[in-house]
Amino acid sequence: MQSEVLVTLSPGQEFRLSTEGPTLSNEQARRWLDDEFTRLDCEPLRASGKVLLADKVLTVAQAAGATLLADRQWSSQFARATVAALTRPVVRVDVAAMAVTF
């Protein structure tokens, strides 16, 4: 099955991301998302400070914005990390609705 990540930043602003490139292990994917979460100065969504994996994907996509999501190399890495970390072939990230669905 073909993997796919669809990111919606706002109504009418959607990005269908390619998962081309080498497959990442779950550990590699989690590490990449952790690094981007830190690099992009993301904040935990929960008052407890606990960051769920889906929350991390959502906040990294939000912080990346249209600029990084339009960057083919970065968005492909984000897509590969997302499907590997969440172990789902199709992931929808709706930043406006603050939701990640499979």
Protein backbone atom coordinates (compact mmCIF):
# COMPACT_ATOMS: atom_id res chain seq x y z
CA MET A 1 0.00 0.00 0.00
CA GLN A 2 1.20 3.50 -0.83
CA SER A 3 1.89 5.72 2.17
CA GLU A 4 0.56 9.26 2.23
CA VAL A 5 0.51 12.25 4.54
CA LEU A 6 -1.99 15.03 3.93
CA VAL A 7 -1.47 18.26 5.89
CA THR A 8 -4.15 20.95 6.02
CA LEU A 9 -2.94 24.27 7.40
CA SER A 10 -6.16 26.14 6.72
CA PRO A 11 -9.17 25.67 4.43
CA GLY A 12 -7.82 25.61 0.90
CA GLN A 13 -4.19 25.25 1.98
CA GLU A 14 -3.40 21.54 1.78
CA PHE A 15 -0.19 19.67 1.18
CA ARG A 16 -0.07 16.08 -0.08
CA LEU A 17 3.36 14.88 0.99
CA SER A 18 5.48 12.30 -0.73
CA THR A 19 7.02 9.47 1.27
CA GLU A 20 9.74 8.90 -1.33
CA GLY A 21 13.10 7.87 -0.01
CA PRO A 22 14.44 5.27 2.36
CA THR A 23 12.04 3.86 4.93
CA LEU A 24 12.74 4.95 8.49
CA SER A 25 12.61 2.68 11.50
CA ASN A 26 10.21 3.66 14.26
CA GLU A 27 13.16 4.77 16.40
CA GLN A 28 14.68 6.89 13.59
CA ALA A 29 11.29 8.48 12.92
CA ARG A 30 10.72 9.34 16.58
CA ARG A 31 14.23 10.79 16.87
CA TRP A 32 13.72 12.95 13.75
CA LEU A 33 10.39 14.27 15.08
CA ASP A 34 11.99 14.96 18.49
CA ASP A 35 14.80 16.89 16.82
CA GLU A 36 12.41 18.95 14.69
CA PHE A 37 10.13 19.60 17.69
CA THR A 38 13.14 21.12 19.46
CA ARG A 39 14.62 22.89 16.43
CA LEU A 40 11.31 24.56 15.55
CA ASP A 41 10.73 25.63 19.19
CA CYS A 42 7.45 23.74 19.45
CA GLU A 43 5.49 23.90 22.69
CA PRO A 44 3.58 21.01 24.30
CA LEU A 45 -0.17 21.18 23.68
CA ARG A 46 -1.07 19.80 27.12
CA ALA A 47 -0.77 21.74 30.36
CA SER A 48 0.92 18.71 31.93
CA GLY A 49 3.81 19.11 29.50
CA LYS A 50 3.33 15.56 28.25
CA VAL A 51 3.79 15.32 24.48
CA LEU A 52 1.96 12.50 22.72
CA LEU A 53 3.39 11.35 19.41
CA ALA A 54 0.36 12.60 17.46
CA ASP A 55 0.69 15.97 19.25
CA LYS A 56 4.33 16.13 18.18
CA VAL A 57 3.40 15.50 14.53
CA LEU A 58 0.72 18.18 14.74
CA THR A 59 2.91 20.83 16.36
CA VAL A 60 5.84 20.16 14.04
CA ALA A 61 3.53 20.58 11.02
CA GLN A 62 2.13 23.77 12.52
CA ALA A 63 5.59 25.22 13.22
CA ALA A 64 6.85 24.18 9.78
CA GLY A 65 4.10 26.13 8.07
CA ALA A 66 3.74 26.50 4.34
CA THR A 67 7.44 27.29 3.83
CA LEU A 68 8.84 23.97 5.07
CA LEU A 69 5.86 21.93 3.88
CA ALA A 70 6.52 23.25 0.36
CA ASP A 71 10.18 22.23 0.62
CA ARG A 72 10.30 18.85 -1.10
CA GLN A 73 13.24 17.46 0.87
CA TRP A 74 11.94 18.52 4.31
CA SER A 75 8.34 17.51 3.61
CA SER A 76 9.37 14.09 2.33
CA GLN A 77 11.38 13.50 5.51
CA PHE A 78 8.44 14.70 7.63
CA ALA A 79 6.07 12.37 5.77
CA ARG A 80 8.37 9.35 6.13
CA ALA A 81 8.90 10.09 9.84
CA THR A 82 5.16 10.55 10.39
CA VAL A 83 4.08 7.25 8.83
CA ALA A 84 6.94 5.35 10.50
CA ALA A 85 6.43 6.85 13.96
CA LEU A 86 2.65 6.47 13.93
CA THR A 87 2.84 3.10 12.11
CA ARG A 88 0.00 4.10 9.80
CA PRO A 89 0.15 4.16 5.99
CA VAL A 90 -2.18 7.16 5.65
CA VAL A 91 -2.11 10.11 8.05
CA ARG A 92 -4.15 13.30 7.87
CA VAL A 93 -2.84 16.26 9.87
CA ASP A 94 -5.39 19.06 10.18
CA VAL A 95 -3.60 21.95 11.84
CA ALA A 96 -6.65 24.23 11.77
CA ALA A 97 -8.77 21.63 13.60
CA MET A 98 -5.78 20.50 15.75
CA ALA A 99 -6.42 16.88 14.77
CA VAL A 100 -4.44 13.91 13.49
CA THR A 101 -6.50 11.12 11.90
CA PHE A 102 -5.69 7.84 10.22
